[in-house]
Amino acid sequence: MKRSMIATFFSARLRHLHGSLMVADGRLIILGEDGVLVIADATPDVYKEVARIQAVPKKTWVTPVLANGRIYCRNNNGDVVCFDVTGK
C-alpha cells in the first residue's frame, strides 16, 4: 500500500507532523510549524518539492494565504511576510 504524498511530506521533509497547507494550481503550499514554507507538486504518486524557504521565524500554526499571485505567511508573534510567486 502506498503512503499518501502528504504523509510522506510531513514525515520525511519537515520531520514533524505539524503544519498547515493549501492546494492551488496543482501545487501544495505548506507552512510547517517551524516557519518553513514549501511548494510541492500535488500528485498522489511522488513527492516533488519545487521550492523551500525559511519564511517566518519562530512557531507558526497559521495557514498560508495565496492571493493575487502572492503567498502571505504569519507566525504566532504576528510577523507577516509576502512572497510574489507570479514569476514576473
PDB file of N, CA and C in Angstrom:
ATOM      1  N   MET A   1       0.836  -1.182   0.000  1.00  0.00           N
ATOM      2  CA  MET A   1       0.000   0.000   0.000  1.00  0.00           C
ATOM      3  C   MET A   1       0.883   1.247   0.000  1.00  0.00           C
ATOM      4  N   LYS A   2       0.586   2.184  -0.866  1.00  0.00           N
ATOM      5  CA  LYS A   2       1.359   3.420  -0.954  1.00  0.00           C
ATOM      6  C   LYS A   2       0.996   4.367   0.182  1.00  0.00           C
ATOM      7  N   ARG A   3       2.003   5.044   0.727  1.00  0.00           N
ATOM      8  CA  ARG A   3       1.744   6.107   1.685  1.00  0.00           C
ATOM      9  C   ARG A   3       1.215   7.307   0.919  1.00  0.00           C
ATOM     10  N   SER A   4       0.387   8.075   1.559  1.00  0.00           N
ATOM     11  CA  SER A   4      -0.100   9.273   0.882  1.00  0.00           C
ATOM     12  C   SER A   4       1.049  10.265   0.728  1.00  0.00           C
ATOM     13  N   MET A   5       0.963  11.102  -0.301  1.00  0.00           N
ATOM     14  CA  MET A   5       2.015  12.084  -0.548  1.00  0.00           C
ATOM     15  C   MET A   5       2.140  13.054   0.611  1.00  0.00           C
ATOM     16  N   ILE A   6       1.034  13.431   1.223  1.00  0.00           N
ATOM     17  CA  ILE A   6       1.075  14.365   2.343  1.00  0.00           C
ATOM     18  C   ILE A   6       1.744  13.720   3.545  1.00  0.00           C
ATOM     19  N   ALA A   7       1.438  12.464   3.839  1.00  0.00           N
ATOM     20  CA  ALA A   7       2.097  11.765   4.947  1.00  0.00           C
ATOM     21  C   ALA A   7       3.588  11.669   4.695  1.00  0.00           C
ATOM     22  N   THR A   8       3.985  11.414   3.463  1.00  0.00           N
ATOM     23  CA  THR A   8       5.406  11.347   3.126  1.00  0.00           C
ATOM     24  C   THR A   8       6.067  12.692   3.350  1.00  0.00           C
ATOM     25  N   PHE A   9       5.412  13.777   2.943  1.00  0.00           N
ATOM     26  CA  PHE A   9       5.976  15.105   3.151  1.00  0.00           C
ATOM     27  C   PHE A   9       6.208  15.378   4.626  1.00  0.00           C
ATOM     28  N   PHE A  10       5.184  15.212   5.422  1.00  0.00           N
ATOM     29  CA  PHE A  10       5.311  15.584   6.826  1.00  0.00           C
ATOM     30  C   PHE A  10       6.290  14.698   7.584  1.00  0.00           C
ATOM     31  N   SER A  11       6.406  13.444   7.226  1.00  0.00           N
ATOM     32  CA  SER A  11       7.332  12.590   7.962  1.00  0.00           C
ATOM     33  C   SER A  11       8.758  12.718   7.441  1.00  0.00           C
ATOM     34  N   ALA A  12       8.947  12.848   6.152  1.00  0.00           N
ATOM     35  CA  ALA A  12      10.301  12.836   5.585  1.00  0.00           C
ATOM     36  C   ALA A  12      10.899  14.220   5.410  1.00  0.00           C
ATOM     37  N   ARG A  13      10.102  15.211   5.120  1.00  0.00           N
ATOM     38  CA  ARG A  13      10.644  16.507   4.751  1.00  0.00           C
ATOM     39  C   ARG A  13      10.697  17.500   5.902  1.00  0.00           C
ATOM     40  N   LEU A  14       9.643  17.582   6.692  1.00  0.00           N
ATOM     41  CA  LEU A  14       9.645  18.531   7.795  1.00  0.00           C
ATOM     42  C   LEU A  14      10.116  17.890   9.089  1.00  0.00           C
ATOM     43  N   ARG A  15      10.081  16.574   9.133  1.00  0.00           N
ATOM     44  CA  ARG A  15      10.482  15.803  10.304  1.00  0.00           C
ATOM     45  C   ARG A  15       9.618  16.095  11.520  1.00  0.00           C
ATOM     46  N   HIS A  16       8.422  16.520  11.293  1.00  0.00           N
ATOM     47  CA  HIS A  16       7.432  16.659  12.340  1.00  0.00           C
ATOM     48  C   HIS A  16       6.057  16.552  11.696  1.00  0.00           C
ATOM     49  N   LEU A  17       5.047  16.528  12.486  1.00  0.00           N
ATOM     50  CA  LEU A  17       3.713  16.309  11.937  1.00  0.00           C
ATOM     51  C   LEU A  17       2.794  17.510  12.103  1.00  0.00           C
ATOM     52  N   HIS A  18       3.357  18.704  12.243  1.00  0.00           N
ATOM     53  CA  HIS A  18       2.515  19.875  12.438  1.00  0.00           C
ATOM     54  C   HIS A  18       2.765  20.906  11.346  1.00  0.00           C
ATOM     55  N   GLY A  19       1.695  21.419  10.800  1.00  0.00           N
ATOM     56  CA  GLY A  19       1.812  22.439   9.778  1.00  0.00           C
ATOM     57  C   GLY A  19       0.454  22.692   9.152  1.00  0.00           C
ATOM     58  N   SER A  20       0.417  23.625   8.232  1.00  0.00           N
ATOM     59  CA  SER A  20      -0.811  23.972   7.526  1.00  0.00           C
ATOM     60  C   SER A  20      -0.544  23.889   6.042  1.00  0.00           C
ATOM     61  N   LEU A  21      -1.571  23.564   5.294  1.00  0.00           N
ATOM     62  CA  LEU A  21      -1.370  23.503   3.847  1.00  0.00           C
ATOM     63  C   LEU A  21      -2.621  23.904   3.116  1.00  0.00           C
ATOM     64  N   MET A  22      -2.406  24.260   1.869  1.00  0.00           N
ATOM     65  CA  MET A  22      -3.492  24.535   0.943  1.00  0.00           C
ATOM     66  C   MET A  22      -3.064  24.037  -0.427  1.00  0.00           C
ATOM     67  N   VAL A  23      -3.995  23.885  -1.327  1.00  0.00           N
ATOM     68  CA  VAL A  23      -3.710  23.447  -2.688  1.00  0.00           C
ATOM     69  C   VAL A  23      -4.165  24.539  -3.639  1.00  0.00           C
ATOM     70  N   ALA A  24      -3.294  24.865  -4.595  1.00  0.00           N
ATOM     71  CA  ALA A  24      -3.643  25.852  -5.615  1.00  0.00           C
ATOM     72  C   ALA A  24      -2.869  25.554  -6.890  1.00  0.00           C
ATOM     73  N   ASP A  25      -3.547  25.559  -8.016  1.00  0.00           N
ATOM     74  CA  ASP A  25      -2.919  25.402  -9.322  1.00  0.00           C
ATOM     75  C   ASP A  25      -2.043  24.151  -9.392  1.00  0.00           C
ATOM     76  N   GLY A  26      -2.513  23.064  -8.802  1.00  0.00           N
ATOM     77  CA  GLY A  26      -1.780  21.806  -8.872  1.00  0.00           C
ATOM     78  C   GLY A  26      -0.570  21.724  -7.957  1.00  0.00           C
ATOM     79  N   ARG A  27      -0.469  22.630  -7.007  1.00  0.00           N
ATOM     80  CA  ARG A  27       0.664  22.660  -6.073  1.00  0.00           C
ATOM     81  C   ARG A  27       0.173  22.687  -4.636  1.00  0.00           C
ATOM     82  N   LEU A  28       0.935  22.055  -3.758  1.00  0.00           N
ATOM     83  CA  LEU A  28       0.709  22.172  -2.331  1.00  0.00           C
ATOM     84  C   LEU A  28       1.502  23.362  -1.828  1.00  0.00           C
ATOM     85  N   ILE A  29       0.901  24.189  -1.025  1.00  0.00           N
ATOM     86  CA  ILE A  29       1.575  25.303  -0.359  1.00  0.00           C
ATOM     87  C   ILE A  29       1.541  24.957   1.119  1.00  0.00           C
ATOM     88  N   ILE A  30       2.702  24.634   1.670  1.00  0.00           N
ATOM     89  CA  ILE A  30       2.790  24.067   3.012  1.00  0.00           C
ATOM     90  C   ILE A  30       3.626  24.981   3.891  1.00  0.00           C
ATOM     91  N   LEU A  31       3.105  25.301   5.064  1.00  0.00           N
ATOM     92  CA  LEU A  31       3.844  26.087   6.037  1.00  0.00           C
ATOM     93  C   LEU A  31       3.972  25.251   7.299  1.00  0.00           C
ATOM     94  N   GLY A  32       5.190  24.793   7.585  1.00  0.00           N
ATOM     95  CA  GLY A  32       5.439  23.990   8.767  1.00  0.00           C
ATOM     96  C   GLY A  32       5.436  24.841  10.017  1.00  0.00           C
ATOM     97  N   GLU A  33       5.222  24.213  11.164  1.00  0.00           N
ATOM     98  CA  GLU A  33       5.158  24.980  12.411  1.00  0.00           C
ATOM     99  C   GLU A  33       6.470  25.687  12.722  1.00  0.00           C
ATOM    100  N   ASP A  34       7.553  25.277  12.072  1.00  0.00           N
ATOM    101  CA  ASP A  34       8.850  25.921  12.277  1.00  0.00           C
ATOM    102  C   ASP A  34       9.062  27.112  11.348  1.00  0.00           C
ATOM    103  N   GLY A  35       8.036  27.470  10.545  1.00  0.00           N
ATOM    104  CA  GLY A  35       8.118  28.624   9.661  1.00  0.00           C
ATOM    105  C   GLY A  35       8.679  28.341   8.286  1.00  0.00           C
ATOM    106  N   VAL A  36       8.931  27.068   7.970  1.00  0.00           N
ATOM    107  CA  VAL A  36       9.439  26.697   6.649  1.00  0.00           C
ATOM    108  C   VAL A  36       8.264  26.606   5.678  1.00  0.00           C
ATOM    109  N   LEU A  37       8.377  27.347   4.578  1.00  0.00           N
ATOM    110  CA  LEU A  37       7.372  27.329   3.518  1.00  0.00           C
ATOM    111  C   LEU A  37       7.876  26.441   2.398  1.00  0.00           C
ATOM    112  N   VAL A  38       7.038  25.498   1.975  1.00  0.00           N
ATOM    113  CA  VAL A  38       7.403  24.569   0.905  1.00  0.00           C
ATOM    114  C   VAL A  38       6.313  24.589  -0.149  1.00  0.00           C
ATOM    115  N   ILE A  39       6.735  24.611  -1.411  1.00  0.00           N
ATOM    116  CA  ILE A  39       5.827  24.435  -2.538  1.00  0.00           C
ATOM    117  C   ILE A  39       6.183  23.091  -3.158  1.00  0.00           C
ATOM    118  N   ALA A  40       5.182  22.235  -3.333  1.00  0.00           N
ATOM    119  CA  ALA A  40       5.411  20.909  -3.892  1.00  0.00           C
ATOM    120  C   ALA A  40       4.313  20.584  -4.888  1.00  0.00           C
ATOM    121  N   ASP A  41       4.651  19.765  -5.880  1.00  0.00           N
ATOM    122  CA  ASP A  41       3.638  19.314  -6.821  1.00  0.00           C
ATOM    123  C   ASP A  41       2.612  18.467  -6.078  1.00  0.00           C
ATOM    124  N   ALA A  42       1.336  18.673  -6.377  1.00  0.00           N
ATOM    125  CA  ALA A  42       0.260  17.929  -5.732  1.00  0.00           C
ATOM    126  C   ALA A  42      -0.100  16.715  -6.574  1.00  0.00           C
ATOM    127  N   THR A  43       0.693  15.670  -6.444  1.00  0.00           N
ATOM    128  CA  THR A  43       0.430  14.418  -7.141  1.00  0.00           C
ATOM    129  C   THR A  43       0.363  13.291  -6.115  1.00  0.00           C
ATOM    130  N   PRO A  44      -0.459  12.290  -6.357  1.00  0.00           N
ATOM    131  CA  PRO A  44      -0.589  11.207  -5.378  1.00  0.00           C
ATOM    132  C   PRO A  44       0.556  10.196  -5.428  1.00  0.00           C
ATOM    133  N   ASP A  45       1.355  10.220  -6.471  1.00  0.00           N
ATOM    134  CA  ASP A  45       2.357   9.175  -6.660  1.00  0.00           C
ATOM    135  C   ASP A  45       3.736   9.481  -6.104  1.00  0.00           C
ATOM    136  N   VAL A  46       4.151  10.757  -6.167  1.00  0.00           N
ATOM    137  CA  VAL A  46       5.527  11.071  -5.790  1.00  0.00           C
ATOM    138  C   VAL A  46       5.577  12.458  -5.154  1.00  0.00           C
ATOM    139  N   TYR A  47       6.469  12.611  -4.198  1.00  0.00           N
ATOM    140  CA  TYR A  47       6.665  13.917  -3.571  1.00  0.00           C
ATOM    141  C   TYR A  47       7.778  14.641  -4.316  1.00  0.00           C
ATOM    142  N   LYS A  48       7.480  15.836  -4.857  1.00  0.00           N
ATOM    143  CA  LYS A  48       8.478  16.614  -5.580  1.00  0.00           C
ATOM    144  C   LYS A  48       8.391  18.069  -5.138  1.00  0.00           C
ATOM    145  N   GLU A  49       9.406  18.510  -4.394  1.00  0.00           N
ATOM    146  CA  GLU A  49       9.462  19.906  -3.971  1.00  0.00           C
ATOM    147  C   GLU A  49       9.848  20.804  -5.129  1.00  0.00           C
ATOM    148  N   VAL A  50       9.193  21.941  -5.210  1.00  0.00           N
ATOM    149  CA  VAL A  50       9.513  22.951  -6.210  1.00  0.00           C
ATOM    150  C   VAL A  50      10.324  24.074  -5.568  1.00  0.00           C
ATOM    151  N   ALA A  51      10.000  24.391  -4.306  1.00  0.00           N
ATOM    152  CA  ALA A  51      10.701  25.463  -3.595  1.00  0.00           C
ATOM    153  C   ALA A  51      10.600  25.228  -2.091  1.00  0.00           C
ATOM    154  N   ARG A  52      11.587  25.789  -1.364  1.00  0.00           N
ATOM    155  CA  ARG A  52      11.620  25.701   0.102  1.00  0.00           C
ATOM    156  C   ARG A  52      12.350  26.927   0.628  1.00  0.00           C
ATOM    157  N   ILE A  53      11.791  27.551   1.674  1.00  0.00           N
ATOM    158  CA  ILE A  53      12.418  28.731   2.271  1.00  0.00           C
ATOM    159  C   ILE A  53      11.991  28.852   3.733  1.00  0.00           C
ATOM    160  N   GLN A  54      12.876  29.381   4.548  1.00  0.00           N
ATOM    161  CA  GLN A  54      12.505  29.730   5.921  1.00  0.00           C
ATOM    162  C   GLN A  54      11.713  31.025   5.825  1.00  0.00           C
ATOM    163  N   ALA A  55      10.398  30.936   5.853  1.00  0.00           N
ATOM    164  CA  ALA A  55       9.544  32.084   5.571  1.00  0.00           C
ATOM    165  C   ALA A  55       9.403  33.025   6.753  1.00  0.00           C
ATOM    166  N   VAL A  56       9.107  32.477   7.912  1.00  0.00           N
ATOM    167  CA  VAL A  56       8.927  33.292   9.110  1.00  0.00           C
ATOM    168  C   VAL A  56       9.696  32.659  10.267  1.00  0.00           C
ATOM    169  N   PRO A  57      10.207  33.512  11.166  1.00  0.00           N
ATOM    170  CA  PRO A  57      10.903  32.965  12.327  1.00  0.00           C
ATOM    171  C   PRO A  57       9.895  32.514  13.386  1.00  0.00           C
ATOM    172  N   LYS A  58      10.329  31.582  14.205  1.00  0.00           N
ATOM    173  CA  LYS A  58       9.558  31.115  15.353  1.00  0.00           C
ATOM    174  C   LYS A  58       8.354  30.282  14.938  1.00  0.00           C
ATOM    175  N   LYS A  59       7.609  29.869  15.923  1.00  0.00           N
ATOM    176  CA  LYS A  59       6.496  28.944  15.719  1.00  0.00           C
ATOM    177  C   LYS A  59       5.325  29.604  15.000  1.00  0.00           C
ATOM    178  N   THR A  60       4.705  28.824  14.093  1.00  0.00           N
ATOM    179  CA  THR A  60       3.500  29.281  13.407  1.00  0.00           C
ATOM    180  C   THR A  60       2.539  28.128  13.237  1.00  0.00           C
ATOM    181  N   TRP A  61       1.285  28.398  13.502  1.00  0.00           N
ATOM    182  CA  TRP A  61       0.214  27.435  13.239  1.00  0.00           C
ATOM    183  C   TRP A  61      -0.817  28.061  12.313  1.00  0.00           C
ATOM    184  N   VAL A  62      -0.396  29.048  11.560  1.00  0.00           N
ATOM    185  CA  VAL A  62      -1.304  29.800  10.699  1.00  0.00           C
ATOM    186  C   VAL A  62      -1.223  29.249   9.276  1.00  0.00           C
ATOM    187  N   THR A  63      -2.358  29.080   8.646  1.00  0.00           N
ATOM    188  CA  THR A  63      -2.404  28.594   7.265  1.00  0.00           C
ATOM    189  C   THR A  63      -1.901  29.685   6.320  1.00  0.00           C
ATOM    190  N   PRO A  64      -1.019  29.329   5.369  1.00  0.00           N
ATOM    191  CA  PRO A  64      -0.583  30.324   4.391  1.00  0.00           C
ATOM    192  C   PRO A  64      -1.767  30.757   3.520  1.00  0.00           C
ATOM    193  N   VAL A  65      -1.680  31.968   2.986  1.00  0.00           N
ATOM    194  CA  VAL A  65      -2.752  32.511   2.148  1.00  0.00           C
ATOM    195  C   VAL A  65      -2.165  32.853   0.785  1.00  0.00           C
ATOM    196  N   LEU A  66      -2.858  32.468  -0.278  1.00  0.00           N
ATOM    197  CA  LEU A  66      -2.479  32.827  -1.640  1.00  0.00           C
ATOM    198  C   LEU A  66      -3.511  33.799  -2.177  1.00  0.00           C
ATOM    199  N   ALA A  67      -3.064  34.987  -2.598  1.00  0.00           N
ATOM    200  CA  ALA A  67      -3.972  35.988  -3.157  1.00  0.00           C
ATOM    201  C   ALA A  67      -3.228  36.817  -4.184  1.00  0.00           C
ATOM    202  N   ASN A  68      -3.790  36.915  -5.376  1.00  0.00           N
ATOM    203  CA  ASN A  68      -3.225  37.747  -6.444  1.00  0.00           C
ATOM    204  C   ASN A  68      -1.762  37.447  -6.720  1.00  0.00           C
ATOM    205  N   GLY A  69      -1.404  36.162  -6.726  1.00  0.00           N
ATOM    206  CA  GLY A  69      -0.036  35.778  -7.062  1.00  0.00           C
ATOM    207  C   GLY A  69       0.971  35.978  -5.943  1.00  0.00           C
ATOM    208  N   ARG A  70       0.477  36.154  -4.730  1.00  0.00           N
ATOM    209  CA  ARG A  70       1.373  36.333  -3.585  1.00  0.00           C
ATOM    210  C   ARG A  70       0.991  35.361  -2.477  1.00  0.00           C
ATOM    211  N   ILE A  71       2.001  34.817  -1.811  1.00  0.00           N
ATOM    212  CA  ILE A  71       1.772  33.954  -0.655  1.00  0.00           C
ATOM    213  C   ILE A  71       2.091  34.760   0.592  1.00  0.00           C
ATOM    214  N   TYR A  72       1.142  34.805   1.503  1.00  0.00           N
ATOM    215  CA  TYR A  72       1.310  35.503   2.773  1.00  0.00           C
ATOM    216  C   TYR A  72       1.463  34.475   3.888  1.00  0.00           C
ATOM    217  N   CYS A  73       2.462  34.688   4.736  1.00  0.00           N
ATOM    218  CA  CYS A  73       2.710  33.808   5.871  1.00  0.00           C
ATOM    219  C   CYS A  73       2.835  34.660   7.123  1.00  0.00           C
ATOM    220  N   ARG A  74       2.304  34.142   8.230  1.00  0.00           N
ATOM    221  CA  ARG A  74       2.375  34.851   9.500  1.00  0.00           C
ATOM    222  C   ARG A  74       2.740  33.864  10.590  1.00  0.00           C
ATOM    223  N   ASN A  75       3.558  34.318  11.548  1.00  0.00           N
ATOM    224  CA  ASN A  75       3.856  33.451  12.682  1.00  0.00           C
ATOM    225  C   ASN A  75       2.972  33.824  13.866  1.00  0.00           C
ATOM    226  N   ASN A  76       3.124  33.087  14.963  1.00  0.00           N
ATOM    227  CA  ASN A  76       2.273  33.316  16.130  1.00  0.00           C
ATOM    228  C   ASN A  76       2.566  34.630  16.838  1.00  0.00           C
ATOM    229  N   ASN A  77       3.705  35.267  16.538  1.00  0.00           N
ATOM    230  CA  ASN A  77       4.039  36.576  17.106  1.00  0.00           C
ATOM    231  C   ASN A  77       3.416  37.720  16.317  1.00  0.00           C
ATOM    232  N   GLY A  78       2.853  37.420  15.144  1.00  0.00           N
ATOM    233  CA  GLY A  78       2.236  38.454  14.321  1.00  0.00           C
ATOM    234  C   GLY A  78       3.126  38.968  13.202  1.00  0.00           C
ATOM    235  N   ASP A  79       4.348  38.408  13.052  1.00  0.00           N
ATOM    236  CA  ASP A  79       5.222  38.798  11.942  1.00  0.00           C
ATOM    237  C   ASP A  79       4.629  38.269  10.639  1.00  0.00           C
ATOM    238  N   VAL A  80       4.562  39.116   9.613  1.00  0.00           N
ATOM    239  CA  VAL A  80       3.966  38.741   8.333  1.00  0.00           C
ATOM    240  C   VAL A  80       5.004  38.940   7.228  1.00  0.00           C
ATOM    241  N   VAL A  81       5.055  37.986   6.299  1.00  0.00           N
ATOM    242  CA  VAL A  81       5.888  38.116   5.103  1.00  0.00           C
ATOM    243  C   VAL A  81       5.031  37.829   3.884  1.00  0.00           C
ATOM    244  N   CYS A  82       5.481  38.342   2.740  1.00  0.00           N
ATOM    245  CA  CYS A  82       4.765  38.162   1.489  1.00  0.00           C
ATOM    246  C   CYS A  82       5.757  37.765   0.408  1.00  0.00           C
ATOM    247  N   PHE A  83       5.422  36.729  -0.355  1.00  0.00           N
ATOM    248  CA  PHE A  83       6.268  36.270  -1.453  1.00  0.00           C
ATOM    249  C   PHE A  83       5.509  36.361  -2.761  1.00  0.00           C
ATOM    250  N   ASP A  84       6.092  37.042  -3.739  1.00  0.00           N
ATOM    251  CA  ASP A  84       5.499  37.147  -5.066  1.00  0.00           C
ATOM    252  C   ASP A  84       5.833  35.863  -5.817  1.00  0.00           C
ATOM    253  N   VAL A  85       4.808  35.120  -6.219  1.00  0.00           N
ATOM    254  CA  VAL A  85       5.018  33.860  -6.932  1.00  0.00           C
ATOM    255  C   VAL A  85       4.449  33.915  -8.355  1.00  0.00           C
ATOM    256  N   THR A  86       4.321  35.137  -8.889  1.00  0.00           N
ATOM    257  CA  THR A  86       3.792  35.292 -10.234  1.00  0.00           C
ATOM    258  C   THR A  86       4.808  34.909 -11.306  1.00  0.00           C
ATOM    259  N   GLY A  87       6.083  34.901 -10.941  1.00  0.00           N
ATOM    260  CA  GLY A  87       7.113  34.580 -11.923  1.00  0.00           C
ATOM    261  C   GLY A  87       7.476  35.752 -12.815  1.00  0.00           C
ATOM    262  N   LYS A  88       7.007  36.925 -12.494  1.00  0.00           N
ATOM    263  CA  LYS A  88       7.299  38.120 -13.306  1.00  0.00           C
ATOM    264  C   LYS A  88       8.519  38.841 -12.777  1.00  0.00           C
TER     265      LYS A  88
END
